[in-house]
Amino acid sequence: VVDNRLLACEMDGRLKSFDLATGQETTLADKYNGERFNAPNDLVIDRAGGIYFTDPRFRAPDPWPQGKEAVYYRAADGKVTRLIDDRNAPNGVILSPDEKTLYVIPSMEKQMWAYPVESPGKIGAGRVFCELKQPEGKDNTGGDGLTIDSNGNLYITSGLGLQVFDPSGKQLGIIAIPEQPANVAFGGKERKTLYVTARTSLYAVETTATGHVFPGK
């Protein structure tokens, strides 16, 4: 939520804004190179007012409208730039607290990737940041959603629960969830509660960490 507006990805190919006071909907982006997006999935806002968002193929028309799965940047002036198009099902996306690193977690790769942010909407070459622990009998499953705390620790939803990594990529542990989780965010009065959406339920996990807040514009 930014300035009383809820920003959301819609799988029908649009990035939208909803005014929480009036209910008015505004389409922020729906095309790249004249074609609709595949199925926008996750987003993160930066201090410049731009939006990084993923566009995998989930539920997209066949053939995929964009031809590639990608990560994009929608600048505050509305210009859309494709940043990454070589990951398999890019899903969760988030920035480090200092906004110097963009993290991308694919759903069909066990590696999570980190990209240096050179300026808003401009990134350098990516590197493998960490590898997710795999469920028994599986070898290359990735994550879904993720969030980050004020110390830069990452909480990634996966088939094993919430996998937690520190800023160096070291795994700190796994928080078990009764159902397979889909997404996660910090909330509560002091932003110390992890709210986790799962297949049929919403779970709350109390922590000693404090969630990072992205200011946006």
N, C-alpha and C. Protein backbone atom coordinates (compact mmCIF):
# COMPACT_ATOMS: atom_id res chain seq x y z
N VAL A 1 0.85 -1.18 0.00
CA VAL A 1 0.00 0.00 0.00
C VAL A 1 0.89 1.24 0.00
N VAL A 2 0.64 2.14 -0.91
CA VAL A 2 1.40 3.39 -1.02
C VAL A 2 0.43 4.55 -1.17
N ASP A 3 0.53 5.52 -0.26
CA ASP A 3 -0.35 6.70 -0.32
C ASP A 3 -1.81 6.30 -0.47
N ASN A 4 -2.23 5.33 0.35
CA ASN A 4 -3.62 4.86 0.37
C ASN A 4 -4.03 4.19 -0.94
N ARG A 5 -3.04 3.73 -1.69
CA ARG A 5 -3.30 2.98 -2.91
C ARG A 5 -2.72 1.58 -2.78
N LEU A 6 -3.52 0.60 -3.13
CA LEU A 6 -3.06 -0.79 -3.13
C LEU A 6 -2.53 -1.12 -4.52
N LEU A 7 -1.27 -1.50 -4.61
CA LEU A 7 -0.68 -1.89 -5.88
C LEU A 7 -0.76 -3.40 -6.00
N ALA A 8 -1.13 -3.89 -7.17
CA ALA A 8 -1.33 -5.33 -7.33
C ALA A 8 -0.98 -5.79 -8.73
N CYS A 9 -0.52 -7.04 -8.80
CA CYS A 9 -0.31 -7.72 -10.07
C CYS A 9 -1.55 -8.55 -10.38
N GLU A 10 -2.03 -8.49 -11.60
CA GLU A 10 -3.17 -9.30 -12.02
C GLU A 10 -2.71 -10.26 -13.11
N MET A 11 -3.09 -11.52 -12.98
CA MET A 11 -2.64 -12.53 -13.93
C MET A 11 -3.25 -12.37 -15.31
N ASP A 12 -4.19 -11.45 -15.45
CA ASP A 12 -4.74 -11.20 -16.78
C ASP A 12 -3.87 -10.23 -17.57
N GLY A 13 -2.67 -9.95 -17.04
CA GLY A 13 -1.71 -9.17 -17.81
C GLY A 13 -1.54 -7.72 -17.42
N ARG A 14 -1.98 -7.37 -16.20
CA ARG A 14 -1.93 -5.95 -15.83
C ARG A 14 -1.29 -5.72 -14.47
N LEU A 15 -0.67 -4.55 -14.35
CA LEU A 15 -0.20 -4.02 -13.08
C LEU A 15 -1.17 -2.89 -12.73
N LYS A 16 -1.81 -2.96 -11.55
CA LYS A 16 -2.90 -2.03 -11.26
C LYS A 16 -2.72 -1.35 -9.90
N SER A 17 -3.45 -0.25 -9.75
CA SER A 17 -3.51 0.49 -8.50
C SER A 17 -4.98 0.64 -8.11
N PHE A 18 -5.27 0.42 -6.83
CA PHE A 18 -6.63 0.56 -6.31
C PHE A 18 -6.64 1.62 -5.22
N ASP A 19 -7.46 2.66 -5.39
CA ASP A 19 -7.61 3.69 -4.36
C ASP A 19 -8.45 3.12 -3.23
N LEU A 20 -7.89 3.01 -2.03
CA LEU A 20 -8.59 2.36 -0.93
C LEU A 20 -9.73 3.21 -0.39
N ALA A 21 -9.73 4.50 -0.69
CA ALA A 21 -10.81 5.38 -0.22
C ALA A 21 -12.00 5.37 -1.17
N THR A 22 -11.73 5.36 -2.47
CA THR A 22 -12.81 5.47 -3.46
C THR A 22 -13.08 4.17 -4.21
N GLY A 23 -12.12 3.25 -4.17
CA GLY A 23 -12.27 2.01 -4.93
C GLY A 23 -11.89 2.14 -6.39
N GLN A 24 -11.46 3.33 -6.81
CA GLN A 24 -11.10 3.54 -8.21
C GLN A 24 -9.90 2.70 -8.61
N GLU A 25 -9.98 2.07 -9.78
CA GLU A 25 -8.91 1.25 -10.31
C GLU A 25 -8.15 2.01 -11.40
N THR A 26 -6.84 1.88 -11.39
CA THR A 26 -6.00 2.49 -12.41
C THR A 26 -5.02 1.46 -12.93
N THR A 27 -4.94 1.30 -14.24
CA THR A 27 -3.95 0.40 -14.83
C THR A 27 -2.63 1.14 -14.96
N LEU A 28 -1.60 0.61 -14.33
CA LEU A 28 -0.28 1.23 -14.35
C LEU A 28 0.56 0.74 -15.52
N ALA A 29 0.37 -0.51 -15.91
CA ALA A 29 1.10 -1.08 -17.04
C ALA A 29 0.37 -2.32 -17.51
N ASP A 30 0.24 -2.49 -18.81
CA ASP A 30 -0.41 -3.70 -19.34
C ASP A 30 0.23 -4.22 -20.62
N LYS A 31 1.26 -3.51 -21.11
CA LYS A 31 1.90 -3.94 -22.36
C LYS A 31 3.40 -3.67 -22.32
N TYR A 32 4.12 -4.47 -23.10
CA TYR A 32 5.53 -4.21 -23.38
C TYR A 32 5.75 -4.53 -24.85
N ASN A 33 6.35 -3.59 -25.58
CA ASN A 33 6.53 -3.74 -27.03
C ASN A 33 5.22 -4.04 -27.74
N GLY A 34 4.16 -3.43 -27.27
CA GLY A 34 2.86 -3.56 -27.93
C GLY A 34 2.07 -4.80 -27.61
N GLU A 35 2.62 -5.71 -26.81
CA GLU A 35 1.92 -6.95 -26.45
C GLU A 35 1.63 -6.97 -24.95
N ARG A 36 0.51 -7.60 -24.58
CA ARG A 36 0.15 -7.69 -23.16
C ARG A 36 1.18 -8.54 -22.42
N PHE A 37 1.26 -8.33 -21.13
CA PHE A 37 2.14 -9.16 -20.31
C PHE A 37 1.57 -10.56 -20.20
N ASN A 38 2.44 -11.51 -19.80
CA ASN A 38 1.98 -12.90 -19.63
C ASN A 38 1.00 -13.01 -18.47
N ALA A 39 1.54 -12.89 -17.25
CA ALA A 39 0.72 -13.02 -16.04
C ALA A 39 1.48 -12.42 -14.86
N PRO A 40 1.50 -11.09 -14.72
CA PRO A 40 2.25 -10.46 -13.63
C PRO A 40 1.94 -11.11 -12.28
N ASN A 41 3.01 -11.29 -11.47
CA ASN A 41 2.84 -12.11 -10.27
C ASN A 41 3.22 -11.43 -8.96
N ASP A 42 4.33 -10.71 -8.93
CA ASP A 42 4.78 -10.11 -7.67
C ASP A 42 5.47 -8.79 -7.98
N LEU A 43 5.53 -7.90 -6.97
CA LEU A 43 6.12 -6.58 -7.20
C LEU A 43 6.78 -6.06 -5.94
N VAL A 44 7.66 -5.07 -6.14
CA VAL A 44 8.26 -4.33 -5.03
C VAL A 44 8.48 -2.90 -5.51
N ILE A 45 8.29 -1.95 -4.60
CA ILE A 45 8.37 -0.54 -4.93
C ILE A 45 9.70 0.03 -4.42
N ASP A 46 10.30 0.95 -5.18
CA ASP A 46 11.53 1.58 -4.71
C ASP A 46 11.29 3.03 -4.31
N ARG A 47 12.32 3.66 -3.77
CA ARG A 47 12.19 5.03 -3.26
C ARG A 47 11.96 6.04 -4.37
N ALA A 48 12.30 5.67 -5.60
CA ALA A 48 12.10 6.58 -6.74
C ALA A 48 10.67 6.54 -7.26
N GLY A 49 9.83 5.69 -6.66
CA GLY A 49 8.46 5.56 -7.13
C GLY A 49 8.29 4.56 -8.24
N GLY A 50 9.35 3.81 -8.56
CA GLY A 50 9.26 2.78 -9.58
C GLY A 50 8.83 1.45 -9.01
N ILE A 51 8.46 0.53 -9.89
CA ILE A 51 7.96 -0.78 -9.48
C ILE A 51 8.70 -1.86 -10.26
N TYR A 52 9.37 -2.76 -9.54
CA TYR A 52 9.93 -3.97 -10.15
C TYR A 52 8.85 -5.04 -10.06
N PHE A 53 8.61 -5.77 -11.16
CA PHE A 53 7.60 -6.83 -11.08
C PHE A 53 7.97 -8.01 -11.98
N THR A 54 7.51 -9.18 -11.56
CA THR A 54 7.79 -10.41 -12.31
C THR A 54 6.62 -10.73 -13.23
N ASP A 55 6.93 -11.43 -14.33
CA ASP A 55 5.91 -11.78 -15.32
C ASP A 55 6.16 -13.20 -15.82
N PRO A 56 5.83 -14.21 -15.00
CA PRO A 56 5.99 -15.60 -15.44
C PRO A 56 4.88 -16.01 -16.39
N ARG A 57 4.84 -17.30 -16.71
CA ARG A 57 3.84 -17.77 -17.67
C ARG A 57 2.59 -18.35 -17.01
N PHE A 58 2.52 -18.36 -15.68
CA PHE A 58 1.40 -19.00 -14.99
C PHE A 58 0.05 -18.49 -15.51
N ARG A 59 -0.78 -19.40 -16.00
CA ARG A 59 -2.13 -19.09 -16.49
C ARG A 59 -2.13 -18.12 -17.66
N ALA A 60 -0.99 -17.92 -18.28
CA ALA A 60 -0.93 -17.03 -19.45
C ALA A 60 -1.51 -17.73 -20.67
N PRO A 61 -2.01 -16.95 -21.63
CA PRO A 61 -2.49 -17.56 -22.87
C PRO A 61 -1.37 -18.30 -23.58
N ASP A 62 -1.72 -19.24 -24.41
CA ASP A 62 -0.75 -20.01 -25.18
C ASP A 62 -0.92 -19.67 -26.65
N PRO A 63 0.10 -19.20 -27.34
CA PRO A 63 1.48 -18.95 -26.86
C PRO A 63 1.55 -17.74 -25.93
N TRP A 64 2.62 -17.69 -25.12
CA TRP A 64 2.78 -16.59 -24.19
C TRP A 64 2.82 -15.27 -24.96
N PRO A 65 2.09 -14.27 -24.53
CA PRO A 65 2.07 -12.99 -25.24
C PRO A 65 3.46 -12.37 -25.40
N GLN A 66 4.31 -12.48 -24.37
CA GLN A 66 5.64 -11.88 -24.43
C GLN A 66 6.69 -12.80 -25.03
N GLY A 67 6.38 -14.08 -25.11
CA GLY A 67 7.36 -15.02 -25.65
C GLY A 67 8.45 -15.41 -24.67
N LYS A 68 8.61 -14.63 -23.62
CA LYS A 68 9.61 -14.90 -22.58
C LYS A 68 9.02 -14.59 -21.21
N GLU A 69 9.53 -15.29 -20.20
CA GLU A 69 9.22 -14.93 -18.82
C GLU A 69 10.26 -13.92 -18.39
N ALA A 70 9.84 -12.88 -17.65
CA ALA A 70 10.79 -11.79 -17.42
C ALA A 70 10.50 -11.03 -16.13
N VAL A 71 11.44 -10.14 -15.80
CA VAL A 71 11.29 -9.17 -14.72
C VAL A 71 11.37 -7.80 -15.36
N TYR A 72 10.44 -6.92 -14.98
CA TYR A 72 10.35 -5.59 -15.58
C TYR A 72 10.46 -4.50 -14.51
N TYR A 73 10.69 -3.28 -14.99
CA TYR A 73 10.68 -2.10 -14.12
C TYR A 73 9.74 -1.07 -14.73
N ARG A 74 8.78 -0.65 -13.94
CA ARG A 74 7.86 0.40 -14.37
C ARG A 74 8.26 1.67 -13.63
N ALA A 75 8.84 2.63 -14.35
CA ALA A 75 9.31 3.87 -13.73
C ALA A 75 8.14 4.74 -13.31
N ALA A 76 8.42 5.73 -12.47
CA ALA A 76 7.37 6.63 -11.99
C ALA A 76 6.68 7.36 -13.12
N ASP A 77 7.39 7.57 -14.24
CA ASP A 77 6.78 8.27 -15.38
C ASP A 77 6.01 7.32 -16.29
N GLY A 78 5.95 6.05 -15.94
CA GLY A 78 5.17 5.08 -16.72
C GLY A 78 5.96 4.25 -17.70
N LYS A 79 7.23 4.59 -17.93
CA LYS A 79 8.04 3.82 -18.88
C LYS A 79 8.35 2.44 -18.32
N VAL A 80 8.20 1.41 -19.16
CA VAL A 80 8.45 0.02 -18.74
C VAL A 80 9.70 -0.50 -19.44
N THR A 81 10.60 -1.11 -18.67
CA THR A 81 11.84 -1.67 -19.18
C THR A 81 11.95 -3.13 -18.78
N ARG A 82 12.33 -3.99 -19.72
CA ARG A 82 12.59 -5.39 -19.39
C ARG A 82 14.02 -5.51 -18.86
N LEU A 83 14.17 -6.10 -17.69
CA LEU A 83 15.47 -6.20 -17.05
C LEU A 83 16.08 -7.59 -17.11
N ILE A 84 15.27 -8.63 -16.93
CA ILE A 84 15.76 -10.01 -16.83
C ILE A 84 14.84 -10.90 -17.65
N ASP A 85 15.41 -11.76 -18.52
CA ASP A 85 14.56 -12.68 -19.28
C ASP A 85 15.20 -14.05 -19.44
N ASP A 86 16.11 -14.40 -18.51
CA ASP A 86 16.78 -15.69 -18.62
C ASP A 86 16.57 -16.58 -17.38
N ARG A 87 15.51 -16.31 -16.62
CA ARG A 87 15.18 -17.15 -15.48
C ARG A 87 13.92 -17.96 -15.80
N ASN A 88 13.82 -19.14 -15.17
CA ASN A 88 12.70 -20.04 -15.41
C ASN A 88 11.60 -19.79 -14.39
N ALA A 89 10.52 -19.17 -14.81
CA ALA A 89 9.37 -18.84 -13.95
C ALA A 89 9.75 -17.88 -12.82
N PRO A 90 10.24 -16.67 -13.14
CA PRO A 90 10.54 -15.70 -12.09
C PRO A 90 9.27 -15.38 -11.31
N ASN A 91 9.34 -15.48 -9.99
CA ASN A 91 8.13 -15.35 -9.19
C ASN A 91 8.27 -14.23 -8.16
N GLY A 92 8.84 -14.53 -6.98
CA GLY A 92 8.98 -13.50 -5.97
C GLY A 92 10.08 -12.51 -6.31
N VAL A 93 9.88 -11.25 -5.89
CA VAL A 93 10.88 -10.22 -6.14
C VAL A 93 10.88 -9.25 -4.97
N ILE A 94 12.07 -8.82 -4.55
CA ILE A 94 12.16 -7.86 -3.44
C ILE A 94 13.51 -7.15 -3.50
N LEU A 95 13.57 -6.00 -2.86
CA LEU A 95 14.80 -5.22 -2.77
C LEU A 95 15.41 -5.37 -1.38
N SER A 96 16.73 -5.22 -1.29
CA SER A 96 17.38 -5.14 0.01
C SER A 96 16.99 -3.82 0.67
N PRO A 97 17.11 -3.70 2.00
CA PRO A 97 16.73 -2.46 2.66
C PRO A 97 17.42 -1.21 2.12
N ASP A 98 18.68 -1.33 1.67
CA ASP A 98 19.37 -0.17 1.10
C ASP A 98 19.11 0.00 -0.39
N GLU A 99 18.29 -0.89 -0.96
CA GLU A 99 17.90 -0.86 -2.37
C GLU A 99 19.08 -0.99 -3.33
N LYS A 100 20.16 -1.59 -2.85
CA LYS A 100 21.32 -1.82 -3.71
C LYS A 100 21.32 -3.21 -4.35
N THR A 101 20.40 -4.07 -3.91
CA THR A 101 20.31 -5.42 -4.45
C THR A 101 18.86 -5.77 -4.74
N LEU A 102 18.63 -6.35 -5.92
CA LEU A 102 17.31 -6.86 -6.29
C LEU A 102 17.38 -8.38 -6.22
N TYR A 103 16.48 -8.99 -5.46
CA TYR A 103 16.42 -10.44 -5.33
C TYR A 103 15.26 -10.99 -6.15
N VAL A 104 15.51 -12.08 -6.85
CA VAL A 104 14.47 -12.74 -7.65
C VAL A 104 14.49 -14.23 -7.33
N ILE A 105 13.32 -14.77 -6.99
CA ILE A 105 13.22 -16.20 -6.71
C ILE A 105 12.36 -16.87 -7.78
N PRO A 106 12.94 -17.70 -8.62
CA PRO A 106 12.15 -18.43 -9.61
C PRO A 106 11.40 -19.60 -8.95
N SER A 107 10.31 -20.01 -9.55
CA SER A 107 9.55 -21.15 -9.02
C SER A 107 10.10 -22.48 -9.52
N MET A 108 10.84 -22.46 -10.61
CA MET A 108 11.30 -23.70 -11.21
C MET A 108 12.82 -23.79 -11.25
N GLU A 109 13.46 -23.13 -10.31
CA GLU A 109 14.91 -23.23 -10.11
C GLU A 109 15.15 -23.21 -8.61
N LYS A 110 16.08 -24.03 -8.13
CA LYS A 110 16.35 -24.05 -6.69
C LYS A 110 17.23 -22.88 -6.25
N GLN A 111 17.84 -22.19 -7.21
CA GLN A 111 18.68 -21.05 -6.88
C GLN A 111 17.87 -19.77 -6.81
N MET A 112 18.21 -18.95 -5.83
CA MET A 112 17.69 -17.58 -5.78
C MET A 112 18.78 -16.66 -6.30
N TRP A 113 18.38 -15.62 -7.03
CA TRP A 113 19.34 -14.75 -7.70
C TRP A 113 19.35 -13.36 -7.09
N ALA A 114 20.54 -12.73 -7.12
CA ALA A 114 20.71 -11.37 -6.64
C ALA A 114 21.35 -10.53 -7.75
N TYR A 115 20.82 -9.32 -7.93
CA TYR A 115 21.31 -8.42 -8.99
C TYR A 115 21.67 -7.07 -8.36
N PRO A 116 22.85 -6.54 -8.66
CA PRO A 116 23.21 -5.22 -8.14
C PRO A 116 22.37 -4.14 -8.83
N VAL A 117 21.80 -3.24 -8.04
CA VAL A 117 21.02 -2.13 -8.60
C VAL A 117 21.96 -0.94 -8.77
N GLU A 118 22.19 -0.57 -10.02
CA GLU A 118 23.11 0.52 -10.32
C GLU A 118 22.42 1.87 -10.21
N SER A 119 21.16 1.91 -10.54
CA SER A 119 20.30 3.08 -10.40
C SER A 119 18.87 2.57 -10.55
N PRO A 120 17.86 3.36 -10.19
CA PRO A 120 16.49 2.85 -10.31
C PRO A 120 16.18 2.33 -11.72
N GLY A 121 15.84 1.05 -11.80
CA GLY A 121 15.50 0.45 -13.09
C GLY A 121 16.68 -0.01 -13.91
N LYS A 122 17.88 0.06 -13.35
CA LYS A 122 19.07 -0.41 -14.07
C LYS A 122 19.85 -1.35 -13.15
N ILE A 123 20.07 -2.59 -13.63
CA ILE A 123 20.76 -3.58 -12.81
C ILE A 123 21.97 -4.14 -13.53
N GLY A 124 22.89 -4.73 -12.74
CA GLY A 124 24.05 -5.38 -13.30
C GLY A 124 23.83 -6.87 -13.44
N ALA A 125 24.90 -7.60 -13.71
CA ALA A 125 24.81 -9.05 -13.90
C ALA A 125 24.41 -9.74 -12.60
N GLY A 126 23.57 -10.76 -12.73
CA GLY A 126 23.10 -11.47 -11.56
C GLY A 126 24.07 -12.54 -11.10
N ARG A 127 23.89 -12.97 -9.85
CA ARG A 127 24.67 -14.07 -9.28
C ARG A 127 23.74 -14.93 -8.44
N VAL A 128 24.12 -16.19 -8.26
CA VAL A 128 23.34 -17.06 -7.38
C VAL A 128 23.56 -16.60 -5.95
N PHE A 129 22.48 -16.26 -5.27
CA PHE A 129 22.55 -15.78 -3.90
C PHE A 129 22.50 -16.93 -2.89
N CYS A 130 21.64 -17.91 -3.16
CA CYS A 130 21.52 -19.06 -2.27
C CYS A 130 20.78 -20.17 -3.01
N GLU A 131 20.76 -21.35 -2.40
CA GLU A 131 19.98 -22.47 -2.93
C GLU A 131 18.98 -22.91 -1.87
N LEU A 132 17.75 -23.11 -2.29
CA LEU A 132 16.72 -23.56 -1.36
C LEU A 132 16.88 -25.04 -1.06
N LYS A 133 16.66 -25.39 0.19
CA LYS A 133 16.64 -26.80 0.56
C LYS A 133 15.46 -27.46 -0.12
N GLN A 134 15.67 -28.68 -0.64
CA GLN A 134 14.66 -29.34 -1.47
C GLN A 134 13.83 -30.36 -0.68
N PRO A 135 12.51 -30.42 -0.98
CA PRO A 135 11.68 -31.47 -0.39
C PRO A 135 12.19 -32.85 -0.81
N GLU A 136 11.94 -33.85 -0.01
CA GLU A 136 12.38 -35.20 -0.32
C GLU A 136 11.82 -35.65 -1.66
N GLY A 137 12.70 -36.19 -2.50
CA GLY A 137 12.28 -36.70 -3.80
C GLY A 137 12.24 -35.66 -4.90
N LYS A 138 12.56 -34.39 -4.57
CA LYS A 138 12.56 -33.34 -5.58
C LYS A 138 13.95 -32.72 -5.65
N ASP A 139 14.26 -32.12 -6.82
CA ASP A 139 15.63 -31.66 -7.02
C ASP A 139 15.76 -30.21 -7.45
N ASN A 140 14.73 -29.63 -8.05
CA ASN A 140 14.90 -28.29 -8.60
C ASN A 140 13.64 -27.44 -8.42
N THR A 141 13.06 -27.48 -7.21
CA THR A 141 11.90 -26.65 -6.94
C THR A 141 12.35 -25.33 -6.33
N GLY A 142 11.69 -24.27 -6.70
CA GLY A 142 12.06 -22.95 -6.20
C GLY A 142 11.11 -22.45 -5.15
N GLY A 143 11.02 -21.13 -5.05
CA GLY A 143 10.15 -20.51 -4.07
C GLY A 143 9.00 -19.80 -4.73
N ASP A 144 8.20 -19.14 -3.90
CA ASP A 144 7.03 -18.43 -4.39
C ASP A 144 7.15 -16.96 -4.00
N GLY A 145 6.68 -16.61 -2.81
CA GLY A 145 6.79 -15.23 -2.35
C GLY A 145 7.93 -15.07 -1.36
N LEU A 146 8.21 -13.83 -0.99
CA LEU A 146 9.26 -13.58 -0.01
C LEU A 146 9.09 -12.21 0.61
N THR A 147 9.72 -12.03 1.77
CA THR A 147 9.78 -10.73 2.41
C THR A 147 11.15 -10.58 3.05
N ILE A 148 11.41 -9.41 3.63
CA ILE A 148 12.74 -9.12 4.16
C ILE A 148 12.60 -8.30 5.43
N ASP A 149 13.50 -8.53 6.39
CA ASP A 149 13.44 -7.74 7.62
C ASP A 149 14.44 -6.59 7.57
N SER A 150 14.43 -5.78 8.62
CA SER A 150 15.25 -4.57 8.62
C SER A 150 16.74 -4.86 8.63
N ASN A 151 17.13 -6.09 8.98
CA ASN A 151 18.53 -6.49 8.95
C ASN A 151 18.93 -7.14 7.64
N GLY A 152 18.00 -7.25 6.71
CA GLY A 152 18.31 -7.83 5.41
C GLY A 152 18.14 -9.33 5.33
N ASN A 153 17.58 -9.96 6.37
CA ASN A 153 17.31 -11.40 6.31
C ASN A 153 16.08 -11.66 5.46
N LEU A 154 16.14 -12.70 4.64
CA LEU A 154 15.07 -13.00 3.69
C LEU A 154 14.27 -14.21 4.15
N TYR A 155 12.95 -14.13 3.96
CA TYR A 155 12.01 -15.19 4.34
C TYR A 155 11.29 -15.62 3.07
N ILE A 156 11.55 -16.85 2.62
CA ILE A 156 11.08 -17.32 1.32
C ILE A 156 10.09 -18.47 1.49
N THR A 157 8.92 -18.35 0.88
CA THR A 157 7.95 -19.45 0.95
C THR A 157 8.37 -20.56 -0.01
N SER A 158 8.27 -21.80 0.48
CA SER A 158 8.69 -22.95 -0.32
C SER A 158 7.89 -24.18 0.11
N GLY A 159 8.15 -25.29 -0.55
CA GLY A 159 7.46 -26.52 -0.22
C GLY A 159 7.77 -27.04 1.17
N LEU A 160 8.86 -26.55 1.78
CA LEU A 160 9.23 -26.97 3.13
C LEU A 160 8.81 -25.98 4.20
N GLY A 161 8.22 -24.86 3.81
CA GLY A 161 7.86 -23.81 4.75
C GLY A 161 8.57 -22.52 4.40
N LEU A 162 8.83 -21.69 5.42
CA LEU A 162 9.56 -20.45 5.20
C LEU A 162 11.05 -20.71 5.39
N GLN A 163 11.81 -20.59 4.32
CA GLN A 163 13.26 -20.76 4.40
C GLN A 163 13.88 -19.38 4.64
N VAL A 164 14.70 -19.28 5.67
CA VAL A 164 15.25 -17.99 6.09
C VAL A 164 16.75 -17.94 5.80
N PHE A 165 17.18 -16.85 5.15
CA PHE A 165 18.59 -16.67 4.78
C PHE A 165 19.06 -15.30 5.25
N ASP A 166 20.33 -15.22 5.66
CA ASP A 166 20.88 -13.93 6.04
C ASP A 166 21.40 -13.21 4.80
N PRO A 167 21.86 -11.95 4.92
CA PRO A 167 22.28 -11.18 3.74
C PRO A 167 23.46 -11.77 2.97
N SER A 168 24.19 -12.71 3.59
CA SER A 168 25.31 -13.34 2.89
C SER A 168 24.88 -14.58 2.11
N GLY A 169 23.61 -14.99 2.28
CA GLY A 169 23.12 -16.19 1.60
C GLY A 169 23.18 -17.43 2.47
N LYS A 170 23.58 -17.30 3.72
CA LYS A 170 23.63 -18.44 4.65
C LYS A 170 22.23 -18.75 5.16
N GLN A 171 21.84 -20.03 5.13
CA GLN A 171 20.52 -20.40 5.62
C GLN A 171 20.52 -20.39 7.15
N LEU A 172 19.55 -19.67 7.72
CA LEU A 172 19.42 -19.57 9.17
C LEU A 172 18.47 -20.60 9.74
N GLY A 173 17.58 -21.12 8.91
CA GLY A 173 16.62 -22.10 9.39
C GLY A 173 15.40 -22.17 8.51
N ILE A 174 14.46 -23.02 8.90
CA ILE A 174 13.20 -23.18 8.17
C ILE A 174 12.06 -23.10 9.18
N ILE A 175 11.09 -22.25 8.93
CA ILE A 175 9.90 -22.13 9.77
C ILE A 175 8.81 -23.00 9.16
N ALA A 176 8.41 -24.03 9.88
CA ALA A 176 7.40 -24.95 9.36
C ALA A 176 6.03 -24.28 9.36
N ILE A 177 5.27 -24.52 8.29
CA ILE A 177 3.90 -24.03 8.14
C ILE A 177 3.02 -25.25 7.89
N PRO A 178 1.83 -25.35 8.51
CA PRO A 178 0.99 -26.54 8.35
C PRO A 178 0.60 -26.86 6.91
N GLU A 179 0.51 -25.83 6.07
CA GLU A 179 0.19 -26.03 4.65
C GLU A 179 1.31 -25.42 3.82
N GLN A 180 1.36 -25.78 2.55
CA GLN A 180 2.38 -25.16 1.69
C GLN A 180 2.09 -23.67 1.56
N PRO A 181 3.03 -22.81 1.92
CA PRO A 181 2.80 -21.37 1.86
C PRO A 181 2.96 -20.81 0.45
N ALA A 182 2.27 -19.69 0.21
CA ALA A 182 2.35 -19.03 -1.09
C ALA A 182 3.08 -17.70 -0.99
N ASN A 183 2.69 -16.88 -0.01
CA ASN A 183 3.35 -15.58 0.12
C ASN A 183 3.46 -15.21 1.59
N VAL A 184 4.24 -14.17 1.86
CA VAL A 184 4.51 -13.79 3.25
C VAL A 184 4.80 -12.30 3.32
N ALA A 185 4.38 -11.67 4.42
CA ALA A 185 4.65 -10.26 4.63
C ALA A 185 4.69 -9.98 6.13
N PHE A 186 5.50 -8.99 6.51
CA PHE A 186 5.51 -8.55 7.90
C PHE A 186 4.33 -7.62 8.15
N GLY A 187 3.78 -7.68 9.36
CA GLY A 187 2.69 -6.80 9.74
C GLY A 187 2.62 -6.71 11.25
N GLY A 188 1.47 -6.24 11.74
CA GLY A 188 1.31 -6.05 13.17
C GLY A 188 1.76 -4.68 13.60
N LYS A 189 1.46 -4.34 14.85
CA LYS A 189 1.74 -3.00 15.37
C LYS A 189 3.21 -2.62 15.25
N GLU A 190 4.11 -3.56 15.52
CA GLU A 190 5.54 -3.27 15.46
C GLU A 190 6.23 -3.98 14.30
N ARG A 191 5.44 -4.50 13.35
CA ARG A 191 5.95 -5.18 12.17
C ARG A 191 6.83 -6.39 12.54
N LYS A 192 6.46 -7.09 13.59
CA LYS A 192 7.20 -8.27 14.03
C LYS A 192 6.46 -9.57 13.76
N THR A 193 5.29 -9.48 13.15
CA THR A 193 4.50 -10.67 12.85
C THR A 193 4.59 -11.01 11.37
N LEU A 194 4.94 -12.26 11.07
CA LEU A 194 4.92 -12.73 9.68
C LEU A 194 3.53 -13.26 9.38
N TYR A 195 2.88 -12.70 8.39
CA TYR A 195 1.59 -13.20 7.94
C TYR A 195 1.83 -14.03 6.68
N VAL A 196 1.38 -15.27 6.72
CA VAL A 196 1.68 -16.23 5.66
C VAL A 196 0.39 -16.73 5.02
N THR A 197 0.24 -16.50 3.72
CA THR A 197 -0.90 -17.08 3.00
C THR A 197 -0.51 -18.48 2.55
N ALA A 198 -1.44 -19.42 2.71
CA ALA A 198 -1.19 -20.81 2.31
C ALA A 198 -2.35 -21.28 1.44
N ARG A 199 -2.43 -22.58 1.22
CA ARG A 199 -3.42 -23.11 0.27
C ARG A 199 -4.85 -22.78 0.66
N THR A 200 -5.18 -22.91 1.94
CA THR A 200 -6.56 -22.64 2.37
C THR A 200 -6.63 -21.75 3.60
N SER A 201 -5.50 -21.29 4.11
CA SER A 201 -5.50 -20.58 5.39
C SER A 201 -4.50 -19.42 5.40
N LEU A 202 -4.68 -18.56 6.41
CA LEU A 202 -3.73 -17.48 6.69
C LEU A 202 -3.12 -17.76 8.05
N TYR A 203 -1.79 -17.74 8.13
CA TYR A 203 -1.09 -18.04 9.38
C TYR A 203 -0.32 -16.81 9.86
N ALA A 204 -0.17 -16.69 11.18
CA ALA A 204 0.61 -15.62 11.79
C ALA A 204 1.75 -16.24 12.58
N VAL A 205 2.95 -15.74 12.37
CA VAL A 205 4.13 -16.24 13.07
C VAL A 205 4.79 -15.06 13.79
N GLU A 206 4.85 -15.11 15.11
CA GLU A 206 5.48 -14.04 15.87
C GLU A 206 7.00 -14.20 15.82
N THR A 207 7.71 -13.11 15.62
CA THR A 207 9.17 -13.15 15.52
C THR A 207 9.80 -12.06 16.39
N THR A 208 11.10 -12.10 16.51
CA THR A 208 11.83 -11.02 17.18
C THR A 208 12.38 -10.03 16.16
N ALA A 209 12.24 -10.35 14.88
CA ALA A 209 12.72 -9.48 13.81
C ALA A 209 11.70 -8.38 13.54
N THR A 210 12.14 -7.34 12.86
CA THR A 210 11.27 -6.24 12.46
C THR A 210 11.26 -6.15 10.95
N GLY A 211 10.08 -6.17 10.35
CA GLY A 211 9.99 -6.12 8.90
C GLY A 211 10.42 -4.78 8.33
N HIS A 212 11.08 -4.83 7.20
CA HIS A 212 11.48 -3.61 6.50
C HIS A 212 10.28 -3.01 5.79
N VAL A 213 10.21 -1.69 5.77
CA VAL A 213 9.12 -0.99 5.09
C VAL A 213 9.68 -0.29 3.86
N PHE A 214 9.08 -0.56 2.71
CA PHE A 214 9.48 0.12 1.47
C PHE A 214 8.63 1.37 1.32
N PRO A 215 9.26 2.56 1.29
CA PRO A 215 8.50 3.80 1.27
C PRO A 215 7.72 4.06 0.00
N GLY A 216 8.36 3.87 -1.17
CA GLY A 216 7.68 4.16 -2.43
C GLY A 216 7.25 5.62 -2.48
N LYS A 217 6.37 5.90 -3.47
CA LYS A 217 5.84 7.26 -3.61
C LYS A 217 4.43 7.20 -4.15
